[in-house]
């Protein structure tokens, strides 16, 4: 009976230690979720990273890693979009597109001219070919 009591006390103490150990990581996860809800993506990503470092074996660690990865990609995309807007890259790309389009138009006109020349030469050959056979 005494050994059963000791085992029960040890089990309760271990369970209490486990609950105490996971409470801070749980608050980190709740903090990260709150920051995500408030659209503070950079801070939320950092909080998810802290949660995973603090408790990598937690059942929610996989969700935290996936959310952190998605937030990092979102932040990278926003940074790239800001860079494109800031650098006035869009007008440069539009100018290049206009230049390419004018080159295509010029080449189409040249191709049409060459086709007409080829057709004219073919007609000349067809007219002179019967004379050569005689």
N, C-alpha and C. Protein backbone atom coordinates (compact mmCIF):
# COMPACT_ATOMS: atom_id res chain seq x y z
N UNK A 1 0.82 -1.18 0.00
CA UNK A 1 0.00 0.00 0.00
C UNK A 1 0.88 1.26 0.00
N UNK A 2 1.96 1.19 0.75
CA UNK A 2 2.86 2.33 0.83
C UNK A 2 3.51 2.60 -0.52
N UNK A 3 3.89 1.54 -1.25
CA UNK A 3 4.51 1.72 -2.57
C UNK A 3 3.50 2.28 -3.57
N UNK A 4 2.25 1.91 -3.43
CA UNK A 4 1.21 2.46 -4.30
C UNK A 4 1.05 3.95 -4.04
N UNK A 5 1.10 4.34 -2.77
CA UNK A 5 0.99 5.75 -2.42
C UNK A 5 2.17 6.55 -2.97
N UNK A 6 3.38 6.01 -2.85
CA UNK A 6 4.58 6.67 -3.35
C UNK A 6 4.50 6.80 -4.87
N UNK A 7 4.07 5.75 -5.54
CA UNK A 7 3.94 5.80 -7.00
C UNK A 7 2.92 6.84 -7.42
N UNK A 8 1.83 6.94 -6.66
CA UNK A 8 0.79 7.92 -6.96
C UNK A 8 1.31 9.35 -6.76
N UNK A 9 2.06 9.58 -5.70
CA UNK A 9 2.63 10.89 -5.44
C UNK A 9 3.62 11.27 -6.54
N UNK A 10 4.47 10.32 -6.94
CA UNK A 10 5.43 10.58 -8.01
C UNK A 10 4.70 10.89 -9.32
N UNK A 11 3.64 10.15 -9.61
CA UNK A 11 2.88 10.39 -10.83
C UNK A 11 2.24 11.77 -10.82
N UNK A 12 1.69 12.18 -9.69
CA UNK A 12 1.07 13.50 -9.59
C UNK A 12 2.11 14.60 -9.75
N UNK A 13 3.27 14.41 -9.13
CA UNK A 13 4.34 15.41 -9.26
C UNK A 13 4.83 15.52 -10.71
N UNK A 14 4.99 14.39 -11.37
CA UNK A 14 5.43 14.41 -12.77
C UNK A 14 4.39 15.09 -13.66
N UNK A 15 3.13 14.78 -13.42
CA UNK A 15 2.06 15.39 -14.21
C UNK A 15 2.04 16.90 -13.97
N UNK A 16 2.22 17.32 -12.74
CA UNK A 16 2.26 18.75 -12.42
C UNK A 16 3.43 19.44 -13.10
N UNK A 17 4.60 18.78 -13.10
CA UNK A 17 5.76 19.36 -13.76
C UNK A 17 5.52 19.49 -15.27
N UNK A 18 4.87 18.51 -15.85
CA UNK A 18 4.56 18.55 -17.28
C UNK A 18 3.61 19.70 -17.58
N UNK A 19 2.61 19.89 -16.75
CA UNK A 19 1.67 20.99 -16.97
C UNK A 19 2.37 22.33 -16.81
N UNK A 20 3.25 22.44 -15.81
CA UNK A 20 3.97 23.69 -15.61
C UNK A 20 4.93 23.97 -16.76
N UNK A 21 5.54 22.93 -17.30
CA UNK A 21 6.49 23.11 -18.39
C UNK A 21 5.78 23.54 -19.67
N UNK A 22 4.57 23.03 -19.91
CA UNK A 22 3.89 23.36 -21.15
C UNK A 22 3.11 24.67 -21.06
N UNK A 23 2.88 25.18 -19.87
CA UNK A 23 2.13 26.43 -19.72
C UNK A 23 2.84 27.60 -20.40
N UNK A 24 4.16 27.80 -20.22
CA UNK A 24 4.80 28.91 -20.92
C UNK A 24 4.75 28.75 -22.43
N UNK A 25 4.94 27.54 -22.92
CA UNK A 25 4.90 27.35 -24.37
C UNK A 25 3.48 27.58 -24.89
N UNK A 26 2.50 27.19 -24.09
CA UNK A 26 1.12 27.42 -24.50
C UNK A 26 0.84 28.92 -24.58
N UNK A 27 1.39 29.69 -23.62
CA UNK A 27 1.18 31.14 -23.67
C UNK A 27 1.90 31.75 -24.88
N UNK A 28 3.05 31.18 -25.26
CA UNK A 28 3.74 31.65 -26.47
C UNK A 28 2.88 31.42 -27.70
N UNK A 29 2.25 30.26 -27.76
CA UNK A 29 1.38 29.94 -28.89
C UNK A 29 0.18 30.87 -28.92
N UNK A 30 -0.42 31.12 -27.77
CA UNK A 30 -1.56 32.03 -27.71
C UNK A 30 -1.14 33.44 -28.09
N UNK A 31 0.05 33.85 -27.67
CA UNK A 31 0.57 35.17 -28.02
C UNK A 31 0.78 35.26 -29.54
N UNK A 32 1.35 34.21 -30.13
CA UNK A 32 1.57 34.20 -31.57
C UNK A 32 0.24 34.26 -32.32
N UNK A 33 -0.74 33.49 -31.87
CA UNK A 33 -2.06 33.51 -32.51
C UNK A 33 -2.70 34.90 -32.40
N UNK A 34 -2.53 35.55 -31.23
CA UNK A 34 -3.10 36.89 -31.05
C UNK A 34 -2.42 37.89 -31.99
N UNK A 35 -1.11 37.79 -32.13
CA UNK A 35 -0.40 38.70 -33.04
C UNK A 35 -0.82 38.46 -34.49
N UNK A 36 -1.04 37.19 -34.83
CA UNK A 36 -1.51 36.87 -36.18
C UNK A 36 -2.89 37.48 -36.41
N UNK A 37 -3.75 37.37 -35.41
CA UNK A 37 -5.09 37.96 -35.52
C UNK A 37 -5.06 39.47 -35.64
N UNK A 38 -4.04 40.10 -35.05
CA UNK A 38 -3.90 41.55 -35.11
C UNK A 38 -3.13 42.00 -36.36
N UNK A 39 -2.81 41.06 -37.24
CA UNK A 39 -2.09 41.32 -38.50
C UNK A 39 -0.67 41.83 -38.26
N UNK A 40 -0.08 41.49 -37.12
CA UNK A 40 1.33 41.81 -36.85
C UNK A 40 2.13 40.56 -37.24
N UNK A 41 2.30 40.39 -38.56
CA UNK A 41 2.83 39.15 -39.10
C UNK A 41 4.28 38.90 -38.73
N UNK A 42 5.07 39.94 -38.68
CA UNK A 42 6.48 39.77 -38.34
C UNK A 42 6.64 39.28 -36.90
N UNK A 43 5.93 39.92 -35.99
CA UNK A 43 5.99 39.51 -34.59
C UNK A 43 5.37 38.12 -34.39
N UNK A 44 4.31 37.83 -35.13
CA UNK A 44 3.67 36.51 -35.02
C UNK A 44 4.63 35.42 -35.48
N UNK A 45 5.33 35.67 -36.57
CA UNK A 45 6.30 34.69 -37.08
C UNK A 45 7.39 34.44 -36.04
N UNK A 46 7.88 35.51 -35.42
CA UNK A 46 8.90 35.36 -34.39
C UNK A 46 8.37 34.58 -33.19
N UNK A 47 7.13 34.85 -32.81
CA UNK A 47 6.54 34.14 -31.66
C UNK A 47 6.33 32.66 -31.97
N UNK A 48 5.91 32.36 -33.19
CA UNK A 48 5.78 30.94 -33.57
C UNK A 48 7.14 30.25 -33.51
N UNK A 49 8.18 30.94 -33.97
CA UNK A 49 9.53 30.39 -33.91
C UNK A 49 9.97 30.13 -32.47
N UNK A 50 9.68 31.07 -31.58
CA UNK A 50 10.01 30.88 -30.16
C UNK A 50 9.26 29.69 -29.58
N UNK A 51 7.98 29.56 -29.96
CA UNK A 51 7.19 28.44 -29.45
C UNK A 51 7.79 27.11 -29.88
N UNK A 52 8.17 27.01 -31.14
CA UNK A 52 8.75 25.75 -31.64
C UNK A 52 10.07 25.46 -30.96
N UNK A 53 10.89 26.48 -30.73
CA UNK A 53 12.16 26.28 -30.03
C UNK A 53 11.93 25.86 -28.58
N UNK A 54 10.94 26.47 -27.94
CA UNK A 54 10.67 26.18 -26.54
C UNK A 54 10.09 24.79 -26.33
N UNK A 55 9.25 24.35 -27.25
CA UNK A 55 8.59 23.05 -27.06
C UNK A 55 8.42 22.34 -28.41
N UNK A 56 9.53 21.82 -28.98
CA UNK A 56 9.43 21.20 -30.31
C UNK A 56 8.60 19.92 -30.33
N UNK A 57 8.41 19.30 -29.19
CA UNK A 57 7.63 18.06 -29.14
C UNK A 57 6.15 18.27 -28.94
N UNK A 58 5.73 19.51 -28.80
CA UNK A 58 4.32 19.82 -28.58
C UNK A 58 3.50 19.42 -29.80
N UNK A 59 2.27 19.02 -29.53
CA UNK A 59 1.38 18.60 -30.62
C UNK A 59 1.09 19.75 -31.58
N UNK A 60 1.18 20.98 -31.11
CA UNK A 60 0.89 22.15 -31.95
C UNK A 60 2.14 22.67 -32.68
N UNK A 61 3.30 22.03 -32.46
CA UNK A 61 4.55 22.51 -33.07
C UNK A 61 4.49 22.46 -34.60
N UNK A 62 3.89 21.43 -35.14
CA UNK A 62 3.80 21.32 -36.60
C UNK A 62 2.95 22.45 -37.18
N UNK A 63 1.86 22.76 -36.52
CA UNK A 63 1.01 23.87 -36.97
C UNK A 63 1.77 25.19 -36.86
N UNK A 64 2.50 25.35 -35.77
CA UNK A 64 3.26 26.58 -35.57
C UNK A 64 4.34 26.73 -36.65
N UNK A 65 5.02 25.62 -36.98
CA UNK A 65 6.05 25.67 -38.03
C UNK A 65 5.43 26.03 -39.38
N UNK A 66 4.30 25.41 -39.70
CA UNK A 66 3.64 25.68 -40.98
C UNK A 66 3.15 27.13 -41.05
N UNK A 67 2.59 27.62 -39.96
CA UNK A 67 2.12 29.00 -39.94
C UNK A 67 3.29 29.96 -40.05
N UNK A 68 4.39 29.65 -39.36
CA UNK A 68 5.58 30.50 -39.45
C UNK A 68 6.11 30.54 -40.88
N UNK A 69 6.16 29.39 -41.54
CA UNK A 69 6.63 29.33 -42.93
C UNK A 69 5.72 30.16 -43.84
N UNK A 70 4.42 30.02 -43.67
CA UNK A 70 3.47 30.79 -44.49
C UNK A 70 3.63 32.28 -44.24
N UNK A 71 3.81 32.67 -42.98
CA UNK A 71 4.00 34.08 -42.67
C UNK A 71 5.30 34.62 -43.26
N UNK A 72 6.37 33.81 -43.19
CA UNK A 72 7.64 34.24 -43.76
C UNK A 72 7.52 34.45 -45.27
N UNK A 73 6.80 33.57 -45.94
CA UNK A 73 6.60 33.72 -47.38
C UNK A 73 5.74 34.95 -47.69
N UNK A 74 4.73 35.18 -46.88
CA UNK A 74 3.89 36.37 -47.05
C UNK A 74 4.72 37.63 -46.88
N UNK A 75 5.55 37.66 -45.84
CA UNK A 75 6.40 38.83 -45.60
C UNK A 75 7.39 39.05 -46.74
N UNK A 76 7.96 37.95 -47.26
CA UNK A 76 8.87 38.06 -48.40
C UNK A 76 8.15 38.62 -49.63
N UNK A 77 6.93 38.16 -49.86
CA UNK A 77 6.14 38.65 -51.00
C UNK A 77 5.82 40.12 -50.85
N UNK A 78 5.45 40.54 -49.63
CA UNK A 78 5.16 41.95 -49.40
C UNK A 78 6.40 42.80 -49.61
N UNK A 79 7.55 42.30 -49.17
CA UNK A 79 8.80 43.02 -49.36
C UNK A 79 9.12 43.17 -50.84
N UNK A 80 8.94 42.09 -51.60
CA UNK A 80 9.21 42.14 -53.04
C UNK A 80 8.26 43.11 -53.74
N UNK A 81 7.00 43.09 -53.35
CA UNK A 81 6.02 44.00 -53.94
C UNK A 81 6.38 45.44 -53.63
N UNK A 82 6.77 45.71 -52.40
CA UNK A 82 7.19 47.06 -52.03
C UNK A 82 8.41 47.49 -52.83
N UNK A 83 9.35 46.57 -53.04
CA UNK A 83 10.55 46.89 -53.81
C UNK A 83 10.18 47.24 -55.25
N UNK A 84 9.29 46.48 -55.83
CA UNK A 84 8.88 46.74 -57.21
C UNK A 84 8.19 48.10 -57.31
N UNK A 85 7.33 48.40 -56.36
CA UNK A 85 6.66 49.69 -56.38
C UNK A 85 7.64 50.84 -56.15
N UNK A 86 8.55 50.64 -55.24
CA UNK A 86 9.50 51.69 -54.87
C UNK A 86 10.50 51.97 -55.99
N UNK A 87 10.93 50.95 -56.68
CA UNK A 87 11.96 51.12 -57.69
C UNK A 87 11.42 51.55 -59.05
N UNK A 88 10.16 51.80 -59.14
CA UNK A 88 9.56 52.19 -60.41
C UNK A 88 9.92 51.20 -61.51
N UNK A 89 9.90 49.96 -61.16
CA UNK A 89 10.25 48.93 -62.13
C UNK A 89 9.14 48.73 -63.15
N UNK A 90 7.93 48.99 -62.75
CA UNK A 90 6.80 48.79 -63.66
C UNK A 90 6.90 49.68 -64.90
N UNK A 91 7.20 50.97 -64.79
CA UNK A 91 7.34 51.79 -66.01
C UNK A 91 8.47 51.29 -66.91
N UNK A 92 9.57 50.86 -66.31
CA UNK A 92 10.68 50.34 -67.11
C UNK A 92 10.24 49.10 -67.87
N UNK A 93 9.52 48.21 -67.21
CA UNK A 93 9.04 47.00 -67.87
C UNK A 93 8.04 47.34 -68.98
N UNK A 94 7.21 48.35 -68.75
CA UNK A 94 6.27 48.76 -69.79
C UNK A 94 7.00 49.32 -71.01
N UNK A 95 8.05 50.12 -70.76
CA UNK A 95 8.85 50.64 -71.87
C UNK A 95 9.48 49.50 -72.66
N UNK A 96 10.04 48.53 -71.94
CA UNK A 96 10.65 47.39 -72.62
C UNK A 96 9.62 46.63 -73.43
N UNK A 97 8.44 46.46 -72.88
CA UNK A 97 7.37 45.76 -73.60
C UNK A 97 7.00 46.53 -74.87
N UNK A 98 6.90 47.85 -74.78
CA UNK A 98 6.57 48.66 -75.96
C UNK A 98 7.67 48.54 -77.01
N UNK A 99 8.93 48.53 -76.57
CA UNK A 99 10.04 48.36 -77.51
C UNK A 99 9.96 47.01 -78.20
N UNK A 100 9.68 45.99 -77.44
CA UNK A 100 9.58 44.64 -78.02
C UNK A 100 8.41 44.56 -78.99
N UNK A 101 7.31 45.20 -78.63
CA UNK A 101 6.13 45.18 -79.50
C UNK A 101 6.43 45.89 -80.81
N UNK A 102 7.13 47.02 -80.75
CA UNK A 102 7.47 47.72 -81.99
C UNK A 102 8.43 46.89 -82.83
N UNK A 103 9.32 46.17 -82.19
CA UNK A 103 10.23 45.27 -82.93
C UNK A 103 9.44 44.16 -83.62
N UNK A 104 8.45 43.61 -82.93
CA UNK A 104 7.61 42.57 -83.52
C UNK A 104 6.86 43.13 -84.73
N UNK A 105 6.31 44.33 -84.58
CA UNK A 105 5.58 44.96 -85.69
C UNK A 105 6.50 45.20 -86.88
N UNK A 106 7.72 45.68 -86.63
CA UNK A 106 8.69 45.91 -87.69
C UNK A 106 9.03 44.60 -88.40
N UNK A 107 9.23 43.54 -87.63
CA UNK A 107 9.56 42.24 -88.23
C UNK A 107 8.38 41.68 -89.03
N UNK A 108 7.17 41.91 -88.57
CA UNK A 108 6.00 41.46 -89.34
C UNK A 108 5.92 42.19 -90.67
N UNK A 109 6.17 43.49 -90.66
CA UNK A 109 6.14 44.28 -91.90
C UNK A 109 7.24 43.81 -92.85
N UNK A 110 8.43 43.57 -92.31
CA UNK A 110 9.53 43.08 -93.14
C UNK A 110 9.21 41.71 -93.73
N UNK A 111 8.59 40.85 -92.94
CA UNK A 111 8.20 39.53 -93.41
C UNK A 111 7.18 39.64 -94.54
N UNK A 112 6.21 40.52 -94.40
CA UNK A 112 5.20 40.72 -95.45
C UNK A 112 5.86 41.23 -96.73
N UNK A 113 6.81 42.16 -96.58
CA UNK A 113 7.53 42.68 -97.75
C UNK A 113 8.31 41.57 -98.44
N UNK A 114 8.99 40.73 -97.66
CA UNK A 114 9.76 39.63 -98.25
C UNK A 114 8.86 38.61 -98.93
N UNK A 115 7.69 38.37 -98.36
CA UNK A 115 6.73 37.46 -99.00
C UNK A 115 6.27 38.02 -100.34
N UNK A 116 6.00 39.32 -100.36
CA UNK A 116 5.58 39.96 -101.62
C UNK A 116 6.69 39.88 -102.66
N UNK A 117 7.95 40.12 -102.23
CA UNK A 117 9.08 40.01 -103.15
C UNK A 117 9.22 38.58 -103.67
N UNK A 118 9.04 37.63 -102.79
CA UNK A 118 9.14 36.22 -103.18
C UNK A 118 8.04 35.86 -104.18
N UNK A 119 6.85 36.34 -103.94
CA UNK A 119 5.74 36.08 -104.86
C UNK A 119 6.02 36.71 -106.22
N UNK A 120 6.55 37.94 -106.24
CA UNK A 120 6.90 38.62 -107.49
C UNK A 120 7.96 37.83 -108.25
N UNK A 121 8.99 37.35 -107.54
CA UNK A 121 10.04 36.56 -108.20
C UNK A 121 9.49 35.23 -108.72
N UNK A 122 8.60 34.65 -107.99
CA UNK A 122 8.00 33.39 -108.44
C UNK A 122 7.21 33.62 -109.73
N UNK A 123 6.47 34.70 -109.78
CA UNK A 123 5.71 35.02 -111.00
C UNK A 123 6.65 35.27 -112.18
N UNK A 124 7.76 35.95 -111.93
CA UNK A 124 8.74 36.20 -113.00
C UNK A 124 9.29 34.87 -113.51
N UNK A 125 9.62 33.97 -112.57
CA UNK A 125 10.14 32.65 -112.95
C UNK A 125 9.10 31.87 -113.75
N UNK A 126 7.85 31.94 -113.34
CA UNK A 126 6.80 31.21 -114.06
C UNK A 126 6.61 31.76 -115.47
N UNK A 127 6.82 33.04 -115.64
CA UNK A 127 6.68 33.64 -116.97
C UNK A 127 7.88 33.30 -117.85
N UNK A 128 9.06 33.24 -117.30
CA UNK A 128 10.25 32.97 -118.10
C UNK A 128 10.46 31.48 -118.28
N UNK A 129 9.93 30.67 -117.44
CA UNK A 129 10.13 29.22 -117.55
C UNK A 129 9.57 28.64 -118.84
N UNK A 130 8.39 29.02 -119.31
CA UNK A 130 7.91 28.45 -120.57
C UNK A 130 8.78 28.86 -121.75
N UNK A 131 9.37 30.01 -121.75
CA UNK A 131 10.25 30.43 -122.85
C UNK A 131 11.52 29.60 -122.89
N UNK A 132 12.02 29.23 -121.74
CA UNK A 132 13.25 28.45 -121.68
C UNK A 132 13.02 27.04 -122.22
N UNK A 133 11.88 26.46 -122.01
CA UNK A 133 11.59 25.10 -122.46
C UNK A 133 11.49 25.03 -123.97
N UNK A 134 11.13 26.08 -124.62
CA UNK A 134 10.95 26.05 -126.07
C UNK A 134 12.24 26.00 -126.73
